[in-house]
Amino acid sequence: SPPTPIAGLAGLDLMHVAVAEDAACVSERGAGTGRGRVYCWGLGSEGQLARPVDVTSREALLATSNVPNTTAALVAGRAHVLVASGGATFGIYGWGANEAGQLGFDDPTPEVTMVQLNGEWSFNARALAAGDAFSCALEHTGRLTCWGSNAHGQLGPGGARALNDHSPLSCTLVTSG
């Protein structure tokens, strides 16, 4: 079928797009508001629309209007969404599935509202990435940190790690040479 504009986004100044398994989100520039906004649509079976579980929408819904400053990065895993705020106030925020700690805390219940990832280890993230049930942040210092499912070693080298680990693990990149 031909491309179709998503209802609910007309006239918005959009910055980022992220696609999950069955949902998608975009961030609005938010110039002059002091807050970044994120809109999501699709299947919300695990809270990935930042709405009660099992909400599904073909129209973009306001997921959050409370990202401090502007949205520096927006990513989606299978069923979770992460956003990094930019400017003077930085942090990583998320919602959706958390069965493996991919939102940075132990409770496996899907998170249906935006929460700041564990404040003890908020990063000034330059970039974010999200996999099936794990997440990574590349800090402005160049340090890469990952958390969530480690079923296949996706949290990187670092010794014996729990299968699901919500605490951050700094990854050392190994190059051959």
N, C-alpha and C. Protein backbone atom coordinates (compact mmCIF):
# COMPACT_ATOMS: atom_id res chain seq x y z
N SER A 1 0.84 -1.18 0.00
CA SER A 1 0.00 0.00 0.00
C SER A 1 0.89 1.25 0.00
N PRO A 2 0.38 2.34 -0.50
CA PRO A 2 1.18 3.57 -0.57
C PRO A 2 1.39 4.18 0.82
N PRO A 3 2.45 4.96 0.98
CA PRO A 3 2.67 5.64 2.28
C PRO A 3 1.49 6.53 2.62
N THR A 4 1.16 6.56 3.89
CA THR A 4 0.04 7.36 4.38
C THR A 4 0.50 8.19 5.56
N PRO A 5 0.19 9.49 5.57
CA PRO A 5 0.56 10.31 6.74
C PRO A 5 -0.12 9.79 8.00
N ILE A 6 0.57 9.88 9.12
CA ILE A 6 0.02 9.45 10.40
C ILE A 6 -0.85 10.57 10.96
N ALA A 7 -2.08 10.26 11.28
CA ALA A 7 -3.00 11.25 11.84
C ALA A 7 -2.49 11.72 13.19
N GLY A 8 -2.65 13.01 13.45
CA GLY A 8 -2.26 13.58 14.73
C GLY A 8 -0.90 14.24 14.73
N LEU A 9 -0.19 14.23 13.58
CA LEU A 9 1.15 14.81 13.53
C LEU A 9 1.24 16.05 12.64
N ALA A 10 0.16 16.40 11.97
CA ALA A 10 0.18 17.54 11.06
C ALA A 10 0.59 18.82 11.79
N GLY A 11 1.50 19.56 11.19
CA GLY A 11 1.92 20.85 11.73
C GLY A 11 2.97 20.78 12.83
N LEU A 12 3.38 19.59 13.23
CA LEU A 12 4.39 19.46 14.28
C LEU A 12 5.79 19.52 13.69
N ASP A 13 6.73 20.08 14.43
CA ASP A 13 8.13 20.16 14.02
C ASP A 13 8.84 18.94 14.61
N LEU A 14 8.90 17.86 13.84
CA LEU A 14 9.40 16.58 14.34
C LEU A 14 10.91 16.47 14.20
N MET A 15 11.55 15.78 15.18
CA MET A 15 13.01 15.64 15.18
C MET A 15 13.47 14.20 14.99
N HIS A 16 12.91 13.25 15.73
CA HIS A 16 13.38 11.87 15.75
C HIS A 16 12.22 10.93 15.51
N VAL A 17 12.52 9.77 14.96
CA VAL A 17 11.53 8.70 14.82
C VAL A 17 12.17 7.41 15.32
N ALA A 18 11.39 6.58 16.00
CA ALA A 18 11.85 5.29 16.50
C ALA A 18 10.76 4.27 16.23
N VAL A 19 11.16 3.09 15.78
CA VAL A 19 10.20 2.05 15.44
C VAL A 19 10.45 0.82 16.30
N ALA A 20 9.43 0.40 17.02
CA ALA A 20 9.48 -0.82 17.83
C ALA A 20 8.92 -1.96 16.98
N GLU A 21 8.70 -3.10 17.59
CA GLU A 21 8.19 -4.25 16.84
C GLU A 21 6.82 -3.95 16.23
N ASP A 22 5.89 -3.39 17.02
CA ASP A 22 4.54 -3.12 16.54
C ASP A 22 4.05 -1.72 16.89
N ALA A 23 4.97 -0.80 17.11
CA ALA A 23 4.61 0.58 17.45
C ALA A 23 5.70 1.51 16.93
N ALA A 24 5.39 2.78 16.87
CA ALA A 24 6.37 3.78 16.46
C ALA A 24 6.16 5.04 17.27
N CYS A 25 7.23 5.85 17.41
CA CYS A 25 7.16 7.10 18.15
C CYS A 25 7.97 8.17 17.42
N VAL A 26 7.59 9.41 17.60
CA VAL A 26 8.33 10.56 17.08
C VAL A 26 8.46 11.58 18.20
N SER A 27 9.53 12.38 18.11
CA SER A 27 9.67 13.47 19.08
C SER A 27 9.50 14.79 18.36
N GLU A 28 8.93 15.73 19.08
CA GLU A 28 8.71 17.08 18.56
C GLU A 28 9.82 17.97 19.10
N ARG A 29 10.25 18.89 18.28
CA ARG A 29 11.36 19.77 18.64
C ARG A 29 11.11 20.50 19.94
N GLY A 30 9.93 21.01 20.17
CA GLY A 30 9.59 21.65 21.44
C GLY A 30 10.24 23.01 21.65
N ALA A 31 10.63 23.67 20.59
CA ALA A 31 11.29 24.97 20.71
C ALA A 31 10.41 25.96 21.45
N GLY A 32 11.00 26.62 22.43
CA GLY A 32 10.28 27.65 23.18
C GLY A 32 9.42 27.12 24.30
N THR A 33 9.20 25.80 24.37
CA THR A 33 8.33 25.26 25.41
C THR A 33 9.12 24.82 26.63
N GLY A 34 10.42 24.57 26.47
CA GLY A 34 11.23 24.07 27.57
C GLY A 34 10.99 22.60 27.86
N ARG A 35 10.13 21.97 27.09
CA ARG A 35 9.81 20.55 27.27
C ARG A 35 9.76 19.87 25.91
N GLY A 36 10.27 18.65 25.85
CA GLY A 36 10.15 17.86 24.64
C GLY A 36 8.90 17.00 24.71
N ARG A 37 8.30 16.77 23.56
CA ARG A 37 7.10 15.94 23.50
C ARG A 37 7.37 14.73 22.62
N VAL A 38 6.75 13.60 22.99
CA VAL A 38 6.87 12.38 22.21
C VAL A 38 5.46 11.87 21.93
N TYR A 39 5.23 11.45 20.68
CA TYR A 39 3.96 10.90 20.24
C TYR A 39 4.19 9.47 19.77
N CYS A 40 3.26 8.56 20.10
CA CYS A 40 3.41 7.16 19.71
C CYS A 40 2.09 6.63 19.15
N TRP A 41 2.18 5.58 18.34
CA TRP A 41 1.00 4.92 17.80
C TRP A 41 1.34 3.46 17.51
N GLY A 42 0.31 2.64 17.32
CA GLY A 42 0.49 1.22 17.04
C GLY A 42 -0.05 0.37 18.17
N LEU A 43 0.59 -0.79 18.38
CA LEU A 43 0.17 -1.72 19.42
C LEU A 43 0.78 -1.32 20.75
N GLY A 44 -0.04 -1.22 21.77
CA GLY A 44 0.43 -0.83 23.09
C GLY A 44 0.29 -1.95 24.11
N SER A 45 0.51 -3.17 23.69
CA SER A 45 0.27 -4.33 24.56
C SER A 45 1.17 -4.38 25.79
N GLU A 46 2.31 -3.67 25.77
CA GLU A 46 3.22 -3.68 26.91
C GLU A 46 3.58 -2.27 27.37
N GLY A 47 2.66 -1.33 27.12
CA GLY A 47 2.86 0.03 27.59
C GLY A 47 3.70 0.90 26.68
N GLN A 48 4.07 0.41 25.48
CA GLN A 48 4.96 1.16 24.61
C GLN A 48 4.35 2.43 24.03
N LEU A 49 3.07 2.66 24.23
CA LEU A 49 2.44 3.92 23.82
C LEU A 49 2.35 4.88 25.01
N ALA A 50 2.90 4.49 26.16
CA ALA A 50 2.80 5.26 27.41
C ALA A 50 1.34 5.47 27.77
N ARG A 51 0.57 4.44 27.59
CA ARG A 51 -0.85 4.39 27.92
C ARG A 51 -1.12 3.07 28.64
N PRO A 52 -2.28 2.91 29.23
CA PRO A 52 -2.58 1.62 29.84
C PRO A 52 -2.35 0.48 28.85
N VAL A 53 -1.89 -0.64 29.37
CA VAL A 53 -1.61 -1.80 28.53
C VAL A 53 -2.85 -2.17 27.74
N ASP A 54 -2.66 -2.61 26.52
CA ASP A 54 -3.68 -3.03 25.57
C ASP A 54 -4.37 -1.88 24.85
N VAL A 55 -3.85 -0.67 24.97
CA VAL A 55 -4.34 0.43 24.14
C VAL A 55 -3.63 0.33 22.79
N THR A 56 -4.41 0.40 21.72
CA THR A 56 -3.87 0.38 20.37
C THR A 56 -4.43 1.58 19.63
N SER A 57 -3.59 2.23 18.82
CA SER A 57 -4.05 3.41 18.11
C SER A 57 -3.41 3.52 16.73
N ARG A 58 -4.21 3.88 15.74
CA ARG A 58 -3.70 4.16 14.40
C ARG A 58 -3.36 5.64 14.26
N GLU A 59 -3.69 6.41 15.28
CA GLU A 59 -3.41 7.84 15.32
C GLU A 59 -2.35 8.12 16.38
N ALA A 60 -1.48 9.09 16.11
CA ALA A 60 -0.43 9.44 17.06
C ALA A 60 -1.05 9.98 18.36
N LEU A 61 -0.64 9.40 19.47
CA LEU A 61 -1.11 9.83 20.79
C LEU A 61 0.05 10.50 21.52
N LEU A 62 -0.23 11.54 22.28
CA LEU A 62 0.80 12.18 23.08
C LEU A 62 1.23 11.21 24.18
N ALA A 63 2.47 10.70 24.08
CA ALA A 63 2.98 9.78 25.09
C ALA A 63 3.48 10.55 26.30
N THR A 64 4.19 11.64 26.05
CA THR A 64 4.67 12.48 27.14
C THR A 64 4.96 13.88 26.62
N SER A 65 4.77 14.86 27.48
CA SER A 65 5.14 16.24 27.16
C SER A 65 6.11 16.75 28.21
N ASN A 66 6.72 15.83 28.96
CA ASN A 66 7.56 16.21 30.10
C ASN A 66 9.03 15.87 29.96
N VAL A 67 9.54 15.67 28.75
CA VAL A 67 10.97 15.44 28.59
C VAL A 67 11.65 16.78 28.88
N PRO A 68 12.50 16.85 29.91
CA PRO A 68 13.15 18.13 30.22
C PRO A 68 13.92 18.67 29.02
N ASN A 69 13.81 19.95 28.78
CA ASN A 69 14.46 20.62 27.66
C ASN A 69 13.99 20.04 26.35
N THR A 70 14.90 19.54 25.53
CA THR A 70 14.53 18.98 24.25
C THR A 70 14.94 17.51 24.19
N THR A 71 14.44 16.84 23.21
CA THR A 71 14.77 15.42 23.02
C THR A 71 16.05 15.31 22.23
N ALA A 72 17.09 14.74 22.86
CA ALA A 72 18.38 14.57 22.19
C ALA A 72 18.43 13.25 21.42
N ALA A 73 17.70 12.25 21.87
CA ALA A 73 17.68 10.95 21.21
C ALA A 73 16.37 10.24 21.55
N LEU A 74 15.90 9.43 20.63
CA LEU A 74 14.68 8.64 20.81
C LEU A 74 14.92 7.29 20.16
N VAL A 75 14.75 6.20 20.92
CA VAL A 75 14.93 4.85 20.38
C VAL A 75 13.83 3.94 20.91
N ALA A 76 13.64 2.83 20.22
CA ALA A 76 12.66 1.84 20.65
C ALA A 76 13.25 0.45 20.51
N GLY A 77 13.00 -0.38 21.51
CA GLY A 77 13.34 -1.79 21.44
C GLY A 77 12.11 -2.55 20.98
N ARG A 78 12.05 -3.82 21.27
CA ARG A 78 10.89 -4.60 20.86
C ARG A 78 9.60 -3.99 21.38
N ALA A 79 9.57 -3.65 22.67
CA ALA A 79 8.35 -3.09 23.26
C ALA A 79 8.66 -2.08 24.35
N HIS A 80 9.81 -1.40 24.25
CA HIS A 80 10.12 -0.31 25.19
C HIS A 80 10.68 0.87 24.41
N VAL A 81 10.51 2.04 24.99
CA VAL A 81 10.94 3.28 24.35
C VAL A 81 11.84 4.03 25.33
N LEU A 82 12.93 4.59 24.83
CA LEU A 82 13.83 5.42 25.62
C LEU A 82 14.00 6.77 24.94
N VAL A 83 14.12 7.79 25.77
CA VAL A 83 14.36 9.14 25.27
C VAL A 83 15.43 9.77 26.15
N ALA A 84 16.36 10.46 25.52
CA ALA A 84 17.40 11.20 26.26
C ALA A 84 17.08 12.68 26.12
N SER A 85 17.13 13.38 27.24
CA SER A 85 16.90 14.82 27.19
C SER A 85 18.23 15.52 26.98
N GLY A 86 18.17 16.64 26.30
CA GLY A 86 19.38 17.41 26.03
C GLY A 86 19.36 18.70 26.80
N GLY A 87 20.28 19.57 26.49
CA GLY A 87 20.34 20.87 27.14
C GLY A 87 20.98 20.76 28.51
N ALA A 88 20.64 21.70 29.39
CA ALA A 88 21.25 21.78 30.71
C ALA A 88 20.81 20.64 31.63
N THR A 89 19.60 20.13 31.43
CA THR A 89 19.09 19.03 32.24
C THR A 89 19.11 17.78 31.39
N PHE A 90 19.98 16.84 31.74
CA PHE A 90 20.04 15.63 30.95
C PHE A 90 19.58 14.44 31.77
N GLY A 91 19.16 13.43 31.09
CA GLY A 91 18.71 12.21 31.73
C GLY A 91 18.17 11.27 30.68
N ILE A 92 17.93 10.04 31.08
CA ILE A 92 17.33 9.06 30.20
C ILE A 92 16.00 8.65 30.81
N TYR A 93 14.97 8.64 29.99
CA TYR A 93 13.61 8.35 30.43
C TYR A 93 13.06 7.22 29.57
N GLY A 94 12.09 6.48 30.07
CA GLY A 94 11.55 5.40 29.28
C GLY A 94 10.18 4.95 29.73
N TRP A 95 9.59 4.05 28.93
CA TRP A 95 8.31 3.43 29.25
C TRP A 95 8.18 2.17 28.40
N GLY A 96 7.22 1.32 28.77
CA GLY A 96 6.96 0.09 28.04
C GLY A 96 7.41 -1.14 28.82
N ALA A 97 7.79 -2.19 28.09
CA ALA A 97 8.16 -3.47 28.68
C ALA A 97 9.43 -3.33 29.53
N ASN A 98 9.48 -4.11 30.61
CA ASN A 98 10.65 -4.09 31.49
C ASN A 98 10.93 -5.47 32.06
N GLU A 99 10.56 -6.52 31.33
CA GLU A 99 10.70 -7.87 31.86
C GLU A 99 12.14 -8.26 32.15
N ALA A 100 13.10 -7.61 31.53
CA ALA A 100 14.51 -7.96 31.73
C ALA A 100 15.31 -6.80 32.32
N GLY A 101 14.62 -5.76 32.79
CA GLY A 101 15.32 -4.61 33.35
C GLY A 101 15.79 -3.61 32.32
N GLN A 102 15.25 -3.66 31.11
CA GLN A 102 15.68 -2.75 30.04
C GLN A 102 15.32 -1.29 30.30
N LEU A 103 14.46 -1.02 31.28
CA LEU A 103 14.18 0.36 31.68
C LEU A 103 15.04 0.78 32.87
N GLY A 104 15.87 -0.13 33.35
CA GLY A 104 16.82 0.24 34.39
C GLY A 104 16.38 -0.02 35.81
N PHE A 105 15.32 -0.80 36.02
CA PHE A 105 14.93 -1.15 37.38
C PHE A 105 14.35 -2.55 37.38
N ASP A 106 14.20 -3.13 38.59
CA ASP A 106 13.86 -4.54 38.75
C ASP A 106 12.42 -4.93 38.45
N ASP A 107 11.47 -4.07 38.69
CA ASP A 107 10.05 -4.44 38.56
C ASP A 107 9.73 -4.83 37.12
N PRO A 108 9.31 -6.08 36.87
CA PRO A 108 9.04 -6.52 35.51
C PRO A 108 7.71 -6.04 34.93
N THR A 109 6.93 -5.32 35.71
CA THR A 109 5.64 -4.81 35.24
C THR A 109 5.87 -3.74 34.17
N PRO A 110 5.12 -3.78 33.05
CA PRO A 110 5.27 -2.73 32.05
C PRO A 110 5.02 -1.35 32.65
N GLU A 111 5.81 -0.39 32.25
CA GLU A 111 5.68 0.99 32.73
C GLU A 111 4.86 1.77 31.70
N VAL A 112 3.71 2.30 32.12
CA VAL A 112 2.81 2.95 31.17
C VAL A 112 2.88 4.48 31.22
N THR A 113 3.78 5.02 32.02
CA THR A 113 4.04 6.45 32.02
C THR A 113 5.56 6.65 31.97
N MET A 114 5.99 7.80 31.53
CA MET A 114 7.42 8.07 31.44
C MET A 114 8.04 8.10 32.82
N VAL A 115 9.14 7.36 32.98
CA VAL A 115 9.90 7.36 34.23
C VAL A 115 11.36 7.64 33.90
N GLN A 116 12.03 8.30 34.83
CA GLN A 116 13.47 8.50 34.65
C GLN A 116 14.17 7.22 35.04
N LEU A 117 15.10 6.78 34.21
CA LEU A 117 15.87 5.60 34.56
C LEU A 117 16.62 5.86 35.83
N ASN A 118 16.94 4.82 36.51
CA ASN A 118 17.55 4.89 37.83
C ASN A 118 18.43 6.12 37.98
N GLY A 119 18.01 7.06 38.83
CA GLY A 119 18.70 8.33 39.02
C GLY A 119 20.13 8.19 39.50
N GLU A 120 20.46 7.04 40.10
CA GLU A 120 21.81 6.82 40.57
C GLU A 120 22.81 6.73 39.43
N TRP A 121 22.32 6.44 38.23
CA TRP A 121 23.23 6.31 37.10
C TRP A 121 22.69 6.95 35.84
N SER A 122 22.09 8.12 35.99
CA SER A 122 21.67 8.86 34.80
C SER A 122 22.89 9.33 34.05
N PHE A 123 22.85 9.23 32.75
CA PHE A 123 23.98 9.57 31.92
C PHE A 123 23.67 10.78 31.06
N ASN A 124 24.69 11.52 30.73
CA ASN A 124 24.58 12.55 29.72
C ASN A 124 24.81 11.84 28.40
N ALA A 125 23.75 11.25 27.85
CA ALA A 125 23.86 10.38 26.69
C ALA A 125 23.96 11.17 25.38
N ARG A 126 24.92 10.78 24.59
CA ARG A 126 25.09 11.32 23.24
C ARG A 126 24.23 10.53 22.27
N ALA A 127 24.07 9.23 22.56
CA ALA A 127 23.27 8.36 21.71
C ALA A 127 22.70 7.23 22.56
N LEU A 128 21.57 6.71 22.13
CA LEU A 128 20.92 5.58 22.78
C LEU A 128 20.69 4.48 21.75
N ALA A 129 20.59 3.25 22.21
CA ALA A 129 20.20 2.13 21.37
C ALA A 129 19.37 1.19 22.22
N ALA A 130 18.44 0.51 21.58
CA ALA A 130 17.57 -0.43 22.30
C ALA A 130 17.43 -1.69 21.46
N GLY A 131 17.58 -2.83 22.12
CA GLY A 131 17.39 -4.11 21.47
C GLY A 131 16.10 -4.74 21.93
N ASP A 132 15.99 -6.03 21.76
CA ASP A 132 14.78 -6.75 22.13
C ASP A 132 14.40 -6.48 23.58
N ALA A 133 15.32 -6.71 24.51
CA ALA A 133 15.03 -6.50 25.93
C ALA A 133 16.27 -5.96 26.64
N PHE A 134 17.06 -5.15 25.96
CA PHE A 134 18.21 -4.50 26.58
C PHE A 134 18.38 -3.12 25.97
N SER A 135 19.17 -2.29 26.65
CA SER A 135 19.35 -0.91 26.22
C SER A 135 20.81 -0.51 26.43
N CYS A 136 21.27 0.46 25.65
CA CYS A 136 22.63 0.97 25.77
C CYS A 136 22.62 2.49 25.63
N ALA A 137 23.58 3.12 26.31
CA ALA A 137 23.76 4.57 26.20
C ALA A 137 25.24 4.84 25.90
N LEU A 138 25.49 5.68 24.92
CA LEU A 138 26.83 6.15 24.64
C LEU A 138 26.93 7.53 25.26
N GLU A 139 27.79 7.66 26.24
CA GLU A 139 27.92 8.92 26.96
C GLU A 139 28.80 9.89 26.19
N HIS A 140 28.69 11.17 26.53
CA HIS A 140 29.53 12.19 25.90
C HIS A 140 31.01 11.95 26.16
N THR A 141 31.32 11.22 27.21
CA THR A 141 32.72 10.88 27.52
C THR A 141 33.25 9.78 26.62
N GLY A 142 32.37 9.13 25.84
CA GLY A 142 32.77 8.02 24.99
C GLY A 142 32.54 6.66 25.63
N ARG A 143 32.12 6.64 26.89
CA ARG A 143 31.87 5.38 27.58
C ARG A 143 30.53 4.80 27.13
N LEU A 144 30.52 3.51 26.83
CA LEU A 144 29.31 2.80 26.44
C LEU A 144 28.81 2.01 27.64
N THR A 145 27.54 2.13 27.97
CA THR A 145 26.94 1.45 29.11
C THR A 145 25.67 0.75 28.66
N CYS A 146 25.50 -0.52 29.07
CA CYS A 146 24.32 -1.30 28.67
C CYS A 146 23.68 -1.96 29.88
N TRP A 147 22.38 -2.30 29.78
CA TRP A 147 21.64 -2.94 30.86
C TRP A 147 20.46 -3.69 30.28
N GLY A 148 19.92 -4.63 31.04
CA GLY A 148 18.76 -5.42 30.61
C GLY A 148 19.12 -6.87 30.42
N SER A 149 18.56 -7.52 29.39
CA SER A 149 18.79 -8.93 29.15
C SER A 149 20.23 -9.18 28.71
N ASN A 150 20.81 -10.23 29.28
CA ASN A 150 22.15 -10.64 28.88
C ASN A 150 22.13 -12.10 28.43
N ALA A 151 20.99 -12.54 27.90
CA ALA A 151 20.80 -13.94 27.54
C ALA A 151 21.82 -14.41 26.51
N HIS A 152 22.30 -13.52 25.67
CA HIS A 152 23.24 -13.90 24.61
C HIS A 152 24.54 -13.09 24.70
N GLY A 153 24.83 -12.54 25.88
CA GLY A 153 26.04 -11.76 26.06
C GLY A 153 25.95 -10.36 25.50
N GLN A 154 24.75 -9.87 25.23
CA GLN A 154 24.60 -8.55 24.59
C GLN A 154 24.95 -7.37 25.49
N LEU A 155 25.20 -7.62 26.78
CA LEU A 155 25.67 -6.54 27.64
C LEU A 155 27.18 -6.37 27.54
N GLY A 156 27.78 -7.18 26.72
CA GLY A 156 29.21 -7.04 26.46
C GLY A 156 30.06 -7.81 27.43
N PRO A 157 31.37 -7.75 27.21
CA PRO A 157 32.27 -8.44 28.12
C PRO A 157 32.24 -7.76 29.48
N GLY A 158 32.53 -8.49 30.50
CA GLY A 158 32.51 -7.90 31.83
C GLY A 158 32.37 -8.96 32.90
N GLY A 159 32.71 -10.18 32.57
CA GLY A 159 32.62 -11.23 33.57
C GLY A 159 31.24 -11.83 33.61
N ALA A 160 31.00 -12.61 34.63
CA ALA A 160 29.70 -13.28 34.77
C ALA A 160 28.66 -12.25 35.17
N ARG A 161 27.63 -12.13 34.38
CA ARG A 161 26.53 -11.20 34.66
C ARG A 161 25.25 -12.01 34.76
N ALA A 162 24.34 -11.49 35.50
CA ALA A 162 23.04 -12.14 35.63
C ALA A 162 22.36 -12.16 34.27
N LEU A 163 21.44 -13.10 34.10
CA LEU A 163 20.69 -13.20 32.86
C LEU A 163 19.98 -11.89 32.55
N ASN A 164 19.33 -11.30 33.55
CA ASN A 164 18.68 -10.00 33.42
C ASN A 164 19.29 -9.08 34.46
N ASP A 165 19.87 -7.99 34.03
CA ASP A 165 20.58 -7.12 34.95
C ASP A 165 20.17 -5.67 34.69
N HIS A 166 19.46 -5.09 35.64
CA HIS A 166 19.00 -3.71 35.45
C HIS A 166 20.09 -2.70 35.78
N SER A 167 21.19 -3.13 36.36
CA SER A 167 22.25 -2.17 36.69
C SER A 167 23.16 -1.98 35.49
N PRO A 168 23.70 -0.79 35.32
CA PRO A 168 24.49 -0.51 34.12
C PRO A 168 25.82 -1.24 34.14
N LEU A 169 26.28 -1.62 32.96
CA LEU A 169 27.56 -2.26 32.79
C LEU A 169 28.35 -1.49 31.76
N SER A 170 29.48 -0.93 32.16
CA SER A 170 30.34 -0.25 31.21
C SER A 170 31.01 -1.30 30.34
N CYS A 171 30.91 -1.12 29.04
CA CYS A 171 31.46 -2.08 28.10
C CYS A 171 32.80 -1.59 27.59
N THR A 172 33.78 -2.45 27.57
CA THR A 172 35.06 -2.12 27.00
C THR A 172 35.08 -2.67 25.58
N LEU A 173 35.27 -1.80 24.63
CA LEU A 173 35.29 -2.22 23.24
C LEU A 173 36.65 -2.79 22.91
N VAL A 174 36.66 -3.96 22.31
CA VAL A 174 37.91 -4.63 21.96
C VAL A 174 38.07 -4.57 20.46
N THR A 175 39.22 -4.12 20.00
CA THR A 175 39.48 -4.08 18.57
C THR A 175 40.61 -5.04 18.24
N SER A 176 40.53 -5.60 17.07
CA SER A 176 41.61 -6.50 16.66
C SER A 176 42.63 -5.70 15.90
N GLY A 177 43.87 -6.20 15.98
CA GLY A 177 44.73 -5.38 15.32
C GLY A 177 46.02 -5.48 14.89
